Amino acid sequence: MIVRRAGIGDEGQLAALYSKMQQHYGSADPPGGAERAAREIVASQGRAAFALVAERDDKLLGFANLNPIFYGGAYQWMLFLKDIYVADDARFLGVGRVLMRGIAREAIAGGYERVDWTTDSTNHGAQALYDKLGIPRANKVFYRLGGEDMRVLAGKT
């Protein structure tokens, strides 16, 4: 199994994995949304959002969406892991572990000082993986601003 950046030619399989992730989490998958996201992510270059994919025998088994962020407190670049997903038929084959190792290698090679991410409090499988890998939990509170709350704060209501 190899881990590499998603690239041109991966759009179809990556879009299929994006749609499966939406189904897995019970989220809406707007028509054409997965295909558009896959096209955008494989075309990104430099310090822009990108995806790592785990592949075996020309089949994508999972992905990790990563977003570079400039961390002003330390004047350093970091990565934010927004999504990591392993296809149902590839679970318990070590794909998550391989993706996490690939993320660490990509961060070091790209000059990123750290990788941050969150999990849903009920995602015990992912938390167990991170704990097994020895990744420490951060003592942070997560906030989300969107929808009507964002419009109110922006004075746009």
Protein backbone atom coordinates (compact mmCIF):
# COMPACT_ATOMS: atom_id res chain seq x y z
CA MET A 1 0.00 0.00 0.00
CA ILE A 2 1.31 3.45 -0.85
CA VAL A 3 0.33 6.92 0.30
CA ARG A 4 0.68 9.81 -2.11
CA ARG A 5 -0.84 13.14 -2.98
CA ALA A 6 -3.99 12.86 -5.01
CA GLY A 7 -3.40 13.95 -8.58
CA ILE A 8 -4.88 14.19 -12.03
CA GLY A 9 -6.59 10.92 -12.84
CA ASP A 10 -7.77 10.30 -9.26
CA GLU A 11 -10.90 12.45 -9.55
CA GLY A 12 -13.40 9.63 -10.14
CA GLN A 13 -12.26 7.34 -7.34
CA LEU A 14 -11.73 10.25 -4.94
CA ALA A 15 -15.23 11.60 -5.66
CA ALA A 16 -16.65 8.13 -4.96
CA LEU A 17 -14.84 8.05 -1.60
CA TYR A 18 -16.07 11.57 -0.79
CA SER A 19 -19.66 10.44 -1.45
CA LYS A 20 -19.19 7.30 0.67
CA MET A 21 -17.86 9.46 3.52
CA GLN A 22 -20.95 11.68 3.32
CA GLN A 23 -23.17 8.58 3.49
CA HIS A 24 -21.15 7.17 6.39
CA TYR A 25 -21.69 10.32 8.44
CA GLY A 26 -25.29 10.83 7.30
CA SER A 27 -24.43 14.14 5.64
CA ALA A 28 -26.00 15.59 2.55
CA ASP A 29 -24.02 15.07 -0.66
CA PRO A 30 -25.21 17.83 -3.00
CA PRO A 31 -25.49 16.76 -6.65
CA GLY A 32 -22.09 17.16 -8.28
CA GLY A 33 -20.48 18.22 -5.00
CA ALA A 34 -18.14 15.25 -4.63
CA GLU A 35 -17.00 15.48 -8.26
CA ARG A 36 -16.36 19.24 -7.99
CA ALA A 37 -14.43 18.82 -4.72
CA ALA A 38 -12.31 16.02 -6.19
CA ARG A 39 -11.43 18.14 -9.26
CA GLU A 40 -10.47 21.11 -7.08
CA ILE A 41 -8.36 19.11 -4.63
CA VAL A 42 -6.28 17.30 -7.27
CA ALA A 43 -5.55 20.58 -9.04
CA SER A 44 -4.23 22.37 -5.94
CA GLN A 45 -0.56 23.27 -5.71
CA GLY A 46 1.76 24.98 -3.24
CA ARG A 47 0.40 25.86 0.21
CA ALA A 48 -3.18 25.10 -0.74
CA ALA A 49 -5.58 22.40 0.35
CA PHE A 50 -4.60 18.93 -0.82
CA ALA A 51 -5.45 15.30 -0.25
CA LEU A 52 -3.33 12.29 0.49
CA VAL A 53 -4.67 8.98 -0.76
CA ALA A 54 -3.95 5.40 0.26
CA GLU A 55 -3.79 3.17 -2.78
CA ARG A 56 -3.34 -0.55 -3.40
CA ASP A 57 -3.47 -2.22 -6.81
CA ASP A 58 -4.66 1.02 -8.49
CA LYS A 59 -7.62 1.29 -6.08
CA LEU A 60 -7.99 4.18 -3.64
CA LEU A 61 -8.77 2.81 -0.18
CA GLY A 62 -8.96 6.07 1.76
CA PHE A 63 -7.97 9.70 1.87
CA ALA A 64 -6.98 12.56 4.14
CA ASN A 65 -7.92 16.17 3.30
CA LEU A 66 -5.30 18.62 4.58
CA ASN A 67 -5.30 22.40 4.73
CA PRO A 68 -2.21 24.53 5.32
CA ILE A 69 -2.65 27.25 7.93
CA PHE A 70 -0.24 29.98 8.94
CA TYR A 71 0.02 29.80 12.73
CA GLY A 72 0.61 33.41 13.73
CA GLY A 73 1.42 32.68 17.38
CA ALA A 74 4.65 30.95 16.40
CA TYR A 75 5.05 32.32 12.84
CA GLN A 76 4.99 28.80 11.48
CA TRP A 77 3.01 26.79 9.00
CA MET A 78 0.84 23.93 10.22
CA LEU A 79 -1.60 21.52 8.62
CA PHE A 80 -5.21 21.07 9.61
CA LEU A 81 -6.53 17.57 8.95
CA LYS A 82 -10.14 18.20 8.05
CA ASP A 83 -11.23 14.74 6.93
CA ILE A 84 -9.79 11.27 7.04
CA TYR A 85 -11.81 8.42 5.63
CA VAL A 86 -11.26 4.73 4.91
CA ALA A 87 -13.67 2.85 2.64
CA ASP A 88 -15.81 0.28 4.45
CA ASP A 89 -14.22 -2.65 2.60
CA ALA A 90 -10.74 -1.44 3.58
CA ARG A 91 -11.33 -1.01 7.30
CA PHE A 92 -8.99 -2.83 9.69
CA LEU A 93 -6.33 -3.27 6.98
CA GLY A 94 -4.03 -0.58 8.41
CA VAL A 95 -5.14 2.13 5.98
CA GLY A 96 -5.74 4.71 8.73
CA ARG A 97 -2.32 4.04 10.24
CA VAL A 98 -0.64 4.33 6.83
CA LEU A 99 -2.48 7.59 6.11
CA MET A 100 -1.48 9.06 9.48
CA ARG A 101 2.15 8.10 8.87
CA GLY A 102 1.90 9.69 5.41
CA ILE A 103 0.49 12.87 6.95
CA ALA A 104 3.44 13.06 9.36
CA ARG A 105 5.91 12.54 6.52
CA GLU A 106 4.19 15.12 4.32
CA ALA A 107 4.22 17.63 7.19
CA ILE A 108 7.94 17.16 7.77
CA ALA A 109 8.79 17.31 4.06
CA GLY A 110 6.64 20.43 3.59
CA GLY A 111 8.13 22.32 6.53
CA TYR A 112 4.95 22.22 8.62
CA GLU A 113 5.53 22.39 12.37
CA ARG A 114 2.41 20.49 13.47
CA VAL A 115 -0.86 18.89 12.42
CA ASP A 116 -4.13 19.63 14.22
CA TRP A 117 -7.55 18.00 13.84
CA THR A 118 -10.74 17.22 15.69
CA THR A 119 -13.00 14.19 15.95
CA ASP A 120 -16.63 13.95 16.84
CA SER A 121 -16.95 12.98 20.49
CA THR A 122 -18.75 9.79 19.40
CA ASN A 123 -16.09 8.69 16.87
CA HIS A 124 -14.49 6.17 19.19
CA GLY A 125 -12.90 4.18 16.35
CA ALA A 126 -10.87 7.14 15.15
CA GLN A 127 -9.95 8.09 18.71
CA ALA A 128 -8.76 4.55 19.39
CA LEU A 129 -6.52 4.70 16.32
CA TYR A 130 -4.97 8.01 17.38
CA ASP A 131 -4.48 6.71 20.93
CA LYS A 132 -2.79 3.53 19.61
CA LEU A 133 -0.47 5.70 17.53
CA GLY A 134 0.52 7.60 20.70
CA ILE A 135 -0.84 10.93 19.48
CA PRO A 136 -1.55 13.20 22.47
CA ARG A 137 -4.95 14.84 22.83
CA ALA A 138 -4.97 18.63 22.96
CA ASN A 139 -6.80 20.48 25.69
CA LYS A 140 -8.76 22.78 23.37
CA VAL A 141 -12.37 23.89 22.97
CA PHE A 142 -13.72 23.74 19.42
CA TYR A 143 -15.95 26.52 18.06
CA ARG A 144 -17.93 26.69 14.84
CA LEU A 145 -19.45 29.83 13.34
CA GLY A 146 -21.82 29.40 10.41
CA GLY A 147 -25.29 29.92 9.05
CA GLU A 148 -27.50 32.40 10.84
CA ASP A 149 -25.01 32.89 13.69
CA MET A 150 -22.41 34.05 11.18
CA ARG A 151 -24.86 36.42 9.48
CA VAL A 152 -25.83 37.90 12.87
CA LEU A 153 -22.21 38.45 13.89
CA ALA A 154 -21.44 40.01 10.50
CA GLY A 155 -24.42 42.34 10.89
CA LYS A 156 -26.03 40.90 7.76
CA THR A 157 -29.48 40.04 9.17
